[in-house]
Protein backbone atom coordinates (compact mmCIF):
# COMPACT_ATOMS: atom_id res chain seq x y z
CA MET A 1 13.39 64.40 -24.25
CA ARG A 2 9.72 63.66 -24.81
CA THR A 3 9.83 65.44 -28.17
CA LEU A 4 12.36 62.93 -29.46
CA TRP A 5 9.66 60.29 -29.48
CA ASN A 6 6.49 62.24 -30.25
CA HIS A 7 5.70 59.81 -33.05
CA PHE A 8 4.37 57.40 -30.44
CA SER A 9 0.59 57.42 -30.22
CA THR A 10 -1.24 58.13 -26.97
CA ILE A 11 -4.04 56.11 -25.47
CA SER A 12 -7.26 57.25 -23.84
CA ASN A 13 -7.79 56.73 -20.13
CA ILE A 14 -9.79 53.62 -19.32
CA LYS A 15 -12.95 54.56 -17.43
CA ILE A 16 -14.67 52.46 -14.81
CA SER A 17 -17.88 52.97 -12.92
CA PRO A 18 -17.82 54.26 -9.32
CA ARG A 19 -19.48 51.00 -8.26
CA MET A 20 -16.39 49.05 -9.28
CA ARG A 21 -14.25 51.19 -6.99
CA ARG A 22 -16.42 50.19 -4.02
CA ILE A 23 -15.96 46.45 -4.39
CA SER A 24 -15.02 45.09 -0.98
CA ALA A 25 -11.93 43.06 -0.20
CA ALA A 26 -14.19 40.10 0.50
CA ASN A 27 -15.33 40.12 -3.12
CA LEU A 28 -11.78 40.30 -4.41
CA ILE A 29 -9.73 37.84 -2.42
CA SER A 30 -10.19 34.73 -0.36
CA ASN A 31 -9.35 34.34 3.31
CA ARG A 32 -6.32 32.31 2.23
CA ASN A 33 -4.96 35.30 0.33
CA LEU A 34 -5.71 37.68 3.17
CA SER A 35 -3.47 35.66 5.45
CA THR A 36 -0.49 35.96 3.08
CA ILE A 37 -0.38 39.76 2.98
CA SER A 38 2.79 41.01 4.66
CA SER A 39 2.46 42.85 7.95
CA THR A 40 4.74 45.55 6.52
CA GLU A 41 2.46 46.20 3.55
CA ASP A 42 0.15 49.21 3.38
CA PRO A 43 -3.29 47.93 4.47
CA GLU A 44 -4.92 50.16 1.85
CA LEU A 45 -3.31 47.89 -0.78
CA ARG A 46 -5.12 44.84 0.55
CA ASP A 47 -7.29 44.48 -2.56
CA PHE A 48 -4.36 44.90 -4.92
CA VAL A 49 -2.00 42.56 -3.07
CA GLY A 50 -4.75 40.01 -2.58
CA PHE A 51 -5.50 40.04 -6.30
CA LEU A 52 -1.84 39.33 -7.08
CA GLU A 53 -1.58 36.65 -4.41
CA SER A 54 -4.46 34.77 -6.02
CA LEU A 55 -2.13 34.18 -9.01
CA LYS A 56 0.78 31.79 -9.45
CA ASN A 57 3.81 33.30 -7.72
CA TYR A 58 7.08 31.69 -8.82
CA GLU A 59 9.08 33.73 -6.32
CA LYS A 60 7.23 31.83 -3.62
CA SER A 61 6.96 28.38 -5.23
CA GLY A 62 10.12 28.25 -7.35
CA VAL A 63 10.56 28.42 -11.11
CA PRO A 64 9.95 25.29 -13.23
CA LYS A 65 12.87 23.62 -14.99
CA GLY A 66 13.72 25.30 -18.28
CA ALA A 67 11.11 28.03 -17.79
CA GLY A 68 13.53 30.84 -18.58
CA THR A 69 14.97 29.27 -21.73
CA ASP A 70 13.97 30.15 -25.27
CA SER A 71 12.56 26.68 -25.88
CA ASP A 72 9.37 24.63 -25.66
CA ASP A 73 9.91 24.52 -21.87
CA GLY A 74 10.12 28.31 -21.59
CA PHE A 75 7.44 30.68 -20.36
CA ASP A 76 4.90 31.60 -23.04
CA LEU A 77 5.80 35.16 -23.95
CA GLY A 78 2.76 35.22 -26.23
CA ARG A 79 0.36 35.52 -23.30
CA MET A 80 2.31 38.54 -22.02
CA LYS A 81 2.10 40.17 -25.44
CA ARG A 82 -1.64 39.53 -25.52
CA LEU A 83 -1.99 41.10 -22.06
CA MET A 84 -0.09 44.18 -23.21
CA LEU A 85 -2.28 44.41 -26.31
CA ARG A 86 -5.42 44.39 -24.13
CA LEU A 87 -3.84 47.18 -22.08
CA ARG A 88 -3.20 49.03 -25.39
CA ASN A 89 0.57 48.56 -25.31
CA PRO A 90 1.48 51.27 -22.79
CA HIS A 91 5.18 50.31 -22.99
CA TYR A 92 5.39 51.75 -26.50
CA LYS A 93 4.82 55.29 -25.20
CA TYR A 94 8.30 55.92 -23.75
CA LYS A 95 11.89 54.88 -24.24
CA VAL A 96 13.22 51.90 -22.28
CA VAL A 97 16.55 50.67 -20.97
CA HIS A 98 16.23 46.92 -20.40
CA VAL A 99 18.57 45.44 -17.77
CA ALA A 100 19.34 41.74 -17.25
CA GLY A 101 22.13 39.88 -15.46
CA THR A 102 22.79 37.38 -12.71
CA LYS A 103 24.01 39.98 -10.24
CA GLY A 104 24.14 43.76 -10.21
CA LYS A 105 21.04 44.56 -12.23
CA GLY A 106 19.19 46.14 -9.31
CA SER A 107 22.12 48.38 -8.33
CA THR A 108 22.90 49.27 -11.95
CA SER A 109 19.24 50.15 -12.56
CA ALA A 110 19.20 52.35 -9.46
CA PHE A 111 22.44 54.13 -10.43
CA LEU A 112 21.14 54.75 -13.96
CA SER A 113 17.71 55.96 -12.81
CA ASN A 114 19.32 58.49 -10.47
CA ILE A 115 21.71 59.72 -13.15
CA LEU A 116 18.81 60.36 -15.53
CA ARG A 117 16.82 62.08 -12.78
CA ALA A 118 19.80 64.30 -12.00
CA GLY A 119 19.75 65.27 -15.67
CA GLY A 120 16.18 66.45 -15.33
CA TYR A 121 14.37 63.55 -16.99
CA SER A 122 11.20 61.91 -15.72
CA VAL A 123 12.17 58.31 -14.97
CA GLY A 124 10.27 55.14 -14.15
CA CYS A 125 12.06 52.12 -12.67
CA TYR A 126 10.74 48.56 -12.38
CA SER A 127 12.72 46.12 -10.22
CA SER A 128 12.38 43.06 -8.02
CA PRO A 129 12.19 41.75 -5.39
CA HIS A 130 10.94 44.26 -2.84
CA ILE A 131 12.11 44.48 0.76
CA LEU A 132 9.15 45.86 2.73
CA SER A 133 6.43 46.91 0.28
CA ILE A 134 5.47 45.89 -3.23
CA LYS A 135 5.39 49.62 -4.03
CA GLU A 136 9.21 49.54 -4.08
CA ARG A 137 9.12 47.57 -7.33
CA ILE A 138 7.53 50.43 -9.27
CA SER A 139 9.12 53.83 -8.73
CA CYS A 140 8.70 57.15 -10.47
CA ASN A 141 11.37 59.82 -10.15
CA GLY A 142 13.12 58.07 -7.30
CA GLU A 143 10.08 57.41 -5.12
CA PRO A 144 8.01 54.23 -4.82
CA VAL A 145 4.61 54.61 -6.39
CA SER A 146 2.08 56.04 -3.94
CA THR A 147 -0.71 53.89 -2.57
CA SER A 148 -3.40 56.10 -4.11
CA THR A 149 -1.77 56.11 -7.56
CA LEU A 150 -1.34 52.34 -7.52
CA ASN A 151 -4.88 51.73 -6.35
CA ASP A 152 -6.37 54.12 -8.91
CA LEU A 153 -4.56 52.36 -11.72
CA PHE A 154 -5.39 48.90 -10.39
CA TYR A 155 -9.13 49.57 -10.16
CA SER A 156 -9.15 51.16 -13.62
CA VAL A 157 -7.53 48.18 -15.36
CA LYS A 158 -8.87 45.41 -13.12
CA PRO A 159 -11.66 44.45 -15.57
CA ILE A 160 -9.04 44.04 -18.31
CA LEU A 161 -6.81 41.99 -16.02
CA GLU A 162 -9.69 39.71 -15.04
CA GLN A 163 -10.68 39.26 -18.68
CA SER A 164 -7.07 38.47 -19.60
CA ILE A 165 -6.71 35.90 -16.81
CA GLN A 166 -9.91 34.23 -17.92
CA GLU A 167 -8.96 34.19 -21.61
CA GLU A 168 -5.52 32.77 -20.76
CA ASN A 169 -7.14 30.01 -18.68
CA GLY A 170 -5.63 31.31 -15.45
CA SER A 171 -2.05 30.97 -16.65
CA LEU A 172 -1.02 34.61 -16.19
CA SER A 173 1.31 34.85 -13.20
CA HIS A 174 1.82 37.30 -10.35
CA PHE A 175 4.91 38.72 -12.07
CA GLU A 176 3.28 39.03 -15.49
CA ILE A 177 0.30 40.97 -14.14
CA LEU A 178 2.55 43.21 -12.02
CA THR A 179 4.74 43.89 -15.05
CA GLY A 180 1.70 44.95 -17.08
CA ILE A 181 0.62 47.26 -14.27
CA ALA A 182 4.11 48.80 -14.06
CA PHE A 183 4.23 49.49 -17.80
CA SER A 184 0.75 51.04 -17.61
CA LEU A 185 1.70 53.22 -14.66
CA PHE A 186 4.76 54.60 -16.44
CA GLU A 187 2.55 55.57 -19.39
CA LYS A 188 0.06 57.22 -17.04
CA GLU A 189 2.84 59.13 -15.28
CA ASN A 190 4.19 60.32 -18.65
CA VAL A 191 7.78 59.25 -17.99
CA ASP A 192 10.50 60.15 -20.49
CA ILE A 193 12.29 56.86 -20.01
CA ALA A 194 11.82 53.67 -18.01
CA VAL A 195 14.58 51.48 -16.62
CA ILE A 196 13.20 47.94 -16.65
CA GLU A 197 14.90 45.12 -14.74
CA ALA A 198 14.26 41.60 -16.06
CA GLY A 199 12.93 39.13 -13.52
CA LEU A 200 14.44 35.83 -14.73
CA GLY A 201 16.83 35.34 -17.63
CA GLY A 202 15.73 37.54 -20.51
CA ALA A 203 14.44 35.78 -23.61
CA ARG A 204 11.22 34.50 -22.02
CA ASP A 205 10.96 37.00 -19.19
CA ALA A 206 7.67 38.90 -18.93
CA THR A 207 9.53 42.19 -19.43
CA ASN A 208 10.82 41.07 -22.83
CA VAL A 209 7.87 42.49 -24.73
CA ILE A 210 9.92 45.61 -25.44
CA GLU A 211 10.51 46.24 -29.16
CA SER A 212 13.61 47.71 -30.79
CA SER A 213 11.55 50.76 -31.83
CA ASN A 214 11.34 52.04 -28.24
CA LEU A 215 14.45 50.40 -26.77
CA ALA A 216 17.22 52.87 -26.02
CA ALA A 217 19.72 50.22 -24.89
CA SER A 218 19.98 46.73 -23.46
CA VAL A 219 22.25 46.04 -20.47
CA ILE A 220 23.64 42.70 -19.29
CA THR A 221 25.53 43.15 -16.04
CA THR A 222 27.00 39.72 -15.23
CA ILE A 223 26.56 36.02 -16.02
CA GLY A 224 26.74 33.60 -13.08
CA GLU A 225 25.45 30.33 -11.70
CA GLU A 226 21.98 31.17 -10.42
CA HIS A 227 18.59 29.71 -11.41
CA MET A 228 20.59 27.06 -13.24
CA ALA A 229 17.74 24.59 -13.74
CA ALA A 230 15.31 27.27 -14.90
CA LEU A 231 17.84 28.69 -17.36
CA GLY A 232 19.11 25.50 -18.98
CA GLY A 233 21.70 24.12 -16.58
CA SER A 234 24.93 25.80 -17.72
CA LEU A 235 26.64 29.19 -17.88
CA GLU A 236 26.34 29.01 -21.65
CA SER A 237 22.58 28.49 -21.55
CA ILE A 238 22.23 31.30 -18.99
CA ALA A 239 24.15 33.65 -21.30
CA GLU A 240 21.93 32.64 -24.22
CA ALA A 241 18.78 33.28 -22.19
CA LYS A 242 19.92 36.71 -21.01
CA SER A 243 21.10 37.68 -24.50
CA GLY A 244 17.45 37.46 -25.54
CA ILE A 245 16.95 41.09 -24.47
CA ILE A 246 19.36 42.31 -27.19
CA LYS A 247 17.29 43.84 -30.00
CA HIS A 248 17.91 44.60 -33.65
CA GLY A 249 19.97 47.72 -34.24
CA ARG A 250 19.98 48.82 -30.60
CA PRO A 251 23.19 49.07 -28.53
CA VAL A 252 23.96 46.67 -25.71
CA VAL A 253 26.13 47.58 -22.72
CA LEU A 254 27.89 44.60 -21.16
CA GLY A 255 29.00 45.01 -17.55
CA GLY A 256 31.41 42.19 -16.91
CA PRO A 257 34.07 41.09 -16.77
CA PHE A 258 32.97 37.84 -18.40
CA LEU A 259 34.68 34.56 -19.16
CA PRO A 260 35.94 34.82 -22.77
CA HIS A 261 33.56 32.22 -24.20
CA ILE A 262 30.59 33.75 -22.34
CA GLU A 263 31.44 37.19 -23.70
CA GLY A 264 31.65 35.49 -27.09
CA ILE A 265 28.07 34.21 -26.79
CA LEU A 266 26.80 37.70 -25.96
CA ARG A 267 28.78 39.32 -28.77
CA SER A 268 27.59 36.68 -31.24
CA LYS A 269 23.96 37.44 -30.38
CA ALA A 270 24.61 41.17 -30.75
CA ALA A 271 26.27 40.65 -34.15
CA SER A 272 23.33 38.56 -35.36
CA VAL A 273 20.93 41.48 -34.80
CA SER A 274 23.34 44.28 -35.82
CA SER A 275 23.64 45.55 -32.25
CA SER A 276 26.73 47.52 -31.25
CA VAL A 277 28.52 46.36 -28.08
CA ILE A 278 29.97 48.51 -25.30
CA LEU A 279 32.05 46.54 -22.76
CA ALA A 280 32.00 48.54 -19.53
CA SER A 281 34.63 46.45 -17.75
CA ASN A 282 37.03 47.31 -20.58
CA ILE A 283 36.50 51.02 -21.18
CA GLY A 284 36.01 51.60 -17.44
CA SER A 285 38.99 49.54 -16.30
CA SER A 286 40.94 52.61 -15.09
CA SER A 287 38.27 53.32 -12.47
CA SER A 288 39.38 52.65 -8.89
CA ILE A 289 38.48 52.77 -5.21
CA LYS A 290 40.65 55.20 -3.26
CA GLY A 291 39.40 54.46 0.25
CA ILE A 292 36.56 54.49 2.76
CA ILE A 293 35.35 57.74 4.30
CA ASN A 294 32.69 58.54 6.88
CA LYS A 295 30.61 61.45 5.60
CA ASN A 296 28.55 63.42 8.09
CA GLY A 297 24.85 62.74 7.67
CA ILE A 298 25.47 59.92 5.19
CA GLY A 299 27.74 57.39 6.84
CA LEU A 300 30.36 55.17 5.23
CA CYS A 301 31.13 55.79 1.56
CA GLN A 302 33.83 54.58 -0.77
CA SER A 303 35.69 57.35 -2.56
CA CYS A 304 36.22 56.40 -6.20
CA ASP A 305 37.72 57.74 -9.40
CA ILE A 306 35.51 56.85 -12.36
CA VAL A 307 37.23 56.97 -15.72
CA ILE A 308 35.55 55.93 -18.98
CA GLN A 309 37.87 55.78 -21.98
CA ASN A 310 37.24 55.90 -25.69
CA GLU A 311 37.54 52.34 -27.00
CA LYS A 312 39.36 53.49 -30.13
CA ASP A 313 42.11 55.69 -28.73
CA ASP A 314 41.93 55.19 -24.92
CA GLN A 315 41.29 58.92 -24.43
CA PRO A 316 39.02 59.70 -21.45
CA ILE A 317 35.39 60.44 -22.26
CA VAL A 318 34.52 60.94 -18.60
CA GLU A 319 36.88 61.57 -15.67
CA LEU A 320 35.20 61.93 -12.30
CA SER A 321 37.43 62.19 -9.24
CA ASP A 322 36.39 61.51 -5.65
CA VAL A 323 32.93 60.15 -6.39
CA ASN A 324 31.51 59.04 -3.03
CA LEU A 325 29.50 55.85 -3.57
CA ARG A 326 27.17 54.92 -0.72
CA MET A 327 27.22 51.23 -1.67
CA LEU A 328 30.54 49.58 -0.91
CA GLY A 329 32.71 47.05 -2.71
CA HIS A 330 34.43 46.69 -6.06
CA HIS A 331 31.28 45.12 -7.50
CA GLN A 332 29.38 48.33 -6.75
CA LEU A 333 32.11 50.35 -8.45
CA GLN A 334 31.65 48.08 -11.49
CA ASN A 335 27.87 48.61 -11.35
CA ALA A 336 28.45 52.38 -11.22
CA VAL A 337 30.80 52.14 -14.21
CA THR A 338 28.23 50.12 -16.15
CA ALA A 339 25.49 52.68 -15.40
CA THR A 340 27.84 55.47 -16.47
CA CYS A 341 28.47 53.72 -19.79
CA VAL A 342 24.72 53.39 -20.37
CA SER A 343 24.34 57.10 -19.57
CA LEU A 344 26.93 57.98 -22.20
CA CYS A 345 25.12 55.74 -24.68
CA LEU A 346 21.91 57.70 -24.01
CA ARG A 347 23.81 60.98 -24.31
CA ASP A 348 24.89 59.91 -27.79
CA GLN A 349 21.21 59.32 -28.63
CA GLY A 350 20.27 62.91 -27.82
CA CYS A 351 19.92 62.96 -24.03
CA GLY A 352 22.13 66.02 -23.73
CA ARG A 353 21.17 66.75 -20.15
CA VAL A 354 23.11 63.66 -19.01
CA THR A 355 26.14 65.77 -18.17
CA ASP A 356 29.22 64.66 -16.25
CA GLU A 357 27.85 66.49 -13.21
CA ALA A 358 24.51 64.67 -13.53
CA ILE A 359 26.43 61.37 -13.57
CA ARG A 360 28.29 62.33 -10.39
CA ILE A 361 25.14 63.47 -8.58
CA GLY A 362 23.19 60.39 -9.63
CA LEU A 363 25.91 57.98 -8.53
CA GLU A 364 26.43 59.69 -5.17
CA ASN A 365 22.69 59.78 -4.39
CA THR A 366 22.14 56.06 -4.96
CA ARG A 367 21.44 53.75 -2.06
CA LEU A 368 19.51 50.48 -1.94
CA LEU A 369 18.13 48.62 1.03
CA GLY A 370 20.05 45.45 1.77
CA ARG A 371 23.05 46.17 -0.42
CA SER A 372 26.06 46.74 1.89
CA GLN A 373 23.70 48.58 4.23
CA PHE A 374 24.89 49.46 7.73
CA LEU A 375 22.22 49.95 10.36
CA THR A 376 22.36 53.31 12.13
CA PRO A 377 23.10 53.56 15.88
CA LYS A 378 19.41 54.31 16.47
CA GLU A 379 18.36 51.23 14.50
CA VAL A 380 20.64 48.85 16.40
CA GLU A 381 19.35 50.26 19.69
CA THR A 382 15.79 49.60 18.49
CA LEU A 383 16.82 45.97 17.97
CA LEU A 384 18.29 45.91 21.52
CA LEU A 385 21.84 45.65 20.19
CA PRO A 386 23.38 48.87 21.58
CA GLY A 387 26.77 49.74 20.15
CA ALA A 388 26.73 46.91 17.62
CA THR A 389 27.88 47.24 14.02
CA VAL A 390 25.35 45.44 11.83
CA LEU A 391 25.80 45.02 8.08
CA LEU A 392 22.89 43.86 5.90
CA ASP A 393 23.77 42.41 2.51
CA GLY A 394 21.44 40.30 0.39
CA ALA A 395 24.22 38.23 -1.21
CA HIS A 396 22.96 34.74 -2.08
CA THR A 397 25.20 33.30 -4.79
CA LYS A 398 28.84 32.25 -4.93
CA GLU A 399 29.67 35.38 -6.94
CA SER A 400 27.91 37.78 -4.59
CA ALA A 401 29.46 36.04 -1.58
CA ARG A 402 32.86 36.62 -3.16
CA ALA A 403 32.04 40.31 -3.64
CA LEU A 404 30.92 40.62 -0.01
CA LYS A 405 34.06 38.82 1.20
CA GLU A 406 36.39 41.05 -0.82
CA MET A 407 34.65 44.18 0.46
CA ILE A 408 35.07 43.05 4.08
CA LYS A 409 38.71 42.06 3.58
CA LYS A 410 39.54 45.40 1.97
CA ASP A 411 37.52 47.76 4.18
CA PHE A 412 37.36 45.95 7.54
CA PRO A 413 40.40 43.64 7.66
CA GLU A 414 40.72 43.59 11.47
CA LYS A 415 37.04 43.29 12.40
CA ARG A 416 35.79 40.34 14.43
CA LEU A 417 32.89 38.80 12.52
CA VAL A 418 29.74 36.82 13.22
CA PHE A 419 27.53 35.79 10.29
CA VAL A 420 23.75 35.42 10.53
CA VAL A 421 22.55 33.49 7.48
CA ALA A 422 19.23 32.39 5.97
CA MET A 423 18.87 31.16 2.40
CA ALA A 424 16.35 29.94 -0.16
CA SER A 425 16.28 26.20 -0.81
CA ASP A 426 17.24 26.52 -4.49
CA LYS A 427 20.61 28.19 -3.82
CA ASP A 428 24.02 26.52 -3.66
CA HIS A 429 24.53 26.65 0.09
CA VAL A 430 27.90 24.90 0.21
CA SER A 431 29.49 27.07 -2.49
CA PHE A 432 28.14 30.20 -0.80
CA ALA A 433 29.61 29.13 2.55
CA LYS A 434 32.96 28.11 1.05
CA GLU A 435 33.32 31.48 -0.63
CA LEU A 436 32.83 33.37 2.63
CA LEU A 437 35.00 31.00 4.67
CA SER A 438 37.91 31.05 2.22
CA GLY A 439 39.50 34.29 3.28
CA LEU A 440 37.41 35.25 6.31
CA LYS A 441 37.57 33.75 9.79
CA PRO A 442 34.26 34.43 11.52
CA GLU A 443 34.08 33.76 15.23
CA ALA A 444 30.70 32.14 14.68
CA VAL A 445 28.06 31.47 12.05
CA ILE A 446 24.42 31.41 13.13
CA LEU A 447 22.02 29.70 10.75
CA THR A 448 18.41 30.79 10.81
CA GLU A 449 15.25 30.81 8.71
CA ALA A 450 13.31 33.48 6.78
CA ASP A 451 10.19 33.31 4.64
CA ILE A 452 10.95 33.48 0.91
CA GLY A 453 8.51 35.45 -1.22
CA GLY A 454 6.09 35.58 1.69
CA GLY A 455 6.00 31.81 2.28
CA LYS A 456 7.97 28.85 3.57
CA ILE A 457 7.96 26.66 0.44
CA ARG A 458 11.43 27.82 -0.68
CA SER A 459 12.80 28.47 2.81
CA THR A 460 15.70 26.30 4.04
CA GLU A 461 15.62 24.81 7.53
CA SER A 462 18.40 26.08 9.78
CA SER A 463 19.55 22.51 10.46
CA ALA A 464 20.10 21.88 6.74
CA LEU A 465 22.03 25.14 6.42
CA LYS A 466 24.18 24.18 9.39
CA GLU A 467 25.10 20.91 7.68
CA SER A 468 26.10 22.83 4.53
CA TRP A 469 28.35 25.21 6.46
CA ILE A 470 29.99 22.36 8.36
CA LYS A 471 30.59 20.56 5.06
CA ALA A 472 32.10 23.72 3.56
CA ALA A 473 34.35 24.18 6.60
CA ASP A 474 35.44 20.52 6.39
CA GLU A 475 36.33 20.86 2.71
CA LEU A 476 38.38 23.97 3.51
CA GLY A 477 39.98 22.42 6.60
CA SER A 478 38.58 25.09 8.94
CA ARG A 479 36.51 23.13 11.46
CA SER A 480 37.40 25.63 14.20
CA MET A 481 34.39 27.65 13.04
CA GLU A 482 31.48 27.65 15.50
CA ALA A 483 28.15 26.97 13.76
CA SER A 484 24.85 27.13 15.61
CA GLU A 485 21.14 27.33 14.84
CA ASN A 486 18.40 29.71 15.87
CA LYS A 487 14.95 29.52 14.32
CA THR A 488 14.25 33.27 14.43
CA VAL A 489 16.17 36.10 12.82
CA LEU A 490 15.92 38.40 15.84
CA GLY A 491 17.03 35.59 18.16
CA SER A 492 20.01 35.01 15.89
CA LEU A 493 20.95 38.69 15.99
CA LYS A 494 20.86 38.69 19.78
CA LEU A 495 22.97 35.53 19.90
CA ALA A 496 25.53 37.09 17.53
CA TYR A 497 25.62 40.22 19.66
CA LYS A 498 26.19 38.14 22.81
CA ILE A 499 29.06 36.20 21.21
CA LEU A 500 30.85 39.44 20.30
CA SER A 501 30.04 41.18 23.60
CA ASP A 502 31.16 38.30 25.82
CA ASP A 503 34.75 38.55 24.59
CA THR A 504 36.13 41.20 26.92
CA THR A 505 39.73 40.63 25.80
CA SER A 506 39.28 42.56 22.55
CA SER A 507 38.79 46.30 22.10
CA ASP A 508 37.10 45.60 18.77
CA SER A 509 33.31 45.43 19.18
CA GLY A 510 33.07 43.33 16.02
CA MET A 511 30.54 43.22 13.21
CA VAL A 512 27.36 41.20 12.71
CA ILE A 513 26.82 40.40 9.02
CA VAL A 514 23.28 39.43 8.00
CA THR A 515 23.32 37.74 4.60
CA GLY A 516 22.15 34.83 2.43
CA SER A 517 19.11 36.46 0.84
CA LEU A 518 17.25 39.74 0.56
CA HIS A 519 14.46 38.03 2.48
CA ILE A 520 16.45 37.85 5.72
CA VAL A 521 17.31 41.51 5.16
CA SER A 522 13.58 42.18 4.82
CA SER A 523 12.95 40.37 8.09
CA VAL A 524 15.42 42.58 9.96
CA LEU A 525 14.08 45.81 8.46
CA ALA A 526 10.49 44.73 9.11
CA SER A 527 11.39 44.28 12.78
CA LEU A 528 12.52 47.90 12.86
CA GLN A 529 9.12 49.00 11.56
CA HIS A 530 7.40 47.25 14.44
């Protein structure tokens, strides 16, 4: 594949003196930054993480109003382009698939990366947020970047980063610097292709420095009501912001399904830059879930038939029977279909090793922390919850709550349920609760608290969450729901376990569902590490 793009120039390695490598953590970061480094992070990354934590982190503080829009209020993409220029534009040295969307972009990126790897290509993947370690955000060939590789790159480009921060008057953010490092690492690792997940929106996102000359395809998975204020306040403005990743003459794969007028906005943008459109929810509409199976050594999977049809004559391009997806729910089937459509798009561009078998292998080998993840029997025993069924799912919007609800209704219709929920302050708590309560009847909901982005600024107090769930229950006429508070995630898990265990009249041991954000998922998984 590399030979397809050998017209790209290479850059020389940036050299730095041995003295620079010996700079102590005390010279790099303040005591304040030391205290914010996660206990689950590799201590050898203390310098690197501390450097990032000294910068503005919008995941921790929240994104300003209008920051993701293509307007005067939007982030200054110019400073990101200047940073990349100082780094000698490493992102021009490989092909890129750029993925945006309200929900599903992380799973779609993971599916696609694994498909390409199964085809024998060297693949980089950049995603956010991370669960336990910042290394998860930058992966090469299916594995998070190693500590030594990340440190070597960081120390080699640190003088450039410091110069850039100074010349931009300190305005470069945590995410912008990390994005530059990821692009540089993929160049250093000589990847064939990188799958790049946008952080917020698209048009003004730090990742949107990719040019049409090295863009293989753009992908927009879904459009939903998240980050409303930052993206203009409406579904229409969100669609316009995300359509900013569509580039001249390069194909765009739309996941969907979309509301007709939202699809129209995306298609209009594509037409304006002569970009062909592939609608995955249309040509993959014959795909289906056949049932849930328990595979030895893997656990629960959903057996699916994945069928992609030719848009012109409805003849199958790909027919894969009994594909065992390790992430459950119809939304994950749709993400798999979207990734398959992108794979076929790349096949048409000369990636001949993306065979049907590579697609199957890639889809079946994909698993992400916190996406319909069941803890193993050993893990629940470690948490002192013997025999419990614990599901971790980072759903945090109305749309993702609906997807979680439909998965539970379809796959576990008779299960007794207790929810353990923590959410960020900028989410729609009432709509999230109403979605889960309209169709499910949990025996209890336990509201708790989790740090967001490593801090408490965006965390919601359990008492405020409780009020939102009671309001949602009132509006639905289901006040029989028991809602309680517990300040700690582990305490909430134990309370949920006790509620289910105390009912001796049922043979069903029930299920504890931990949801509301990926940050509460992180808290549970971090407890397992300790």
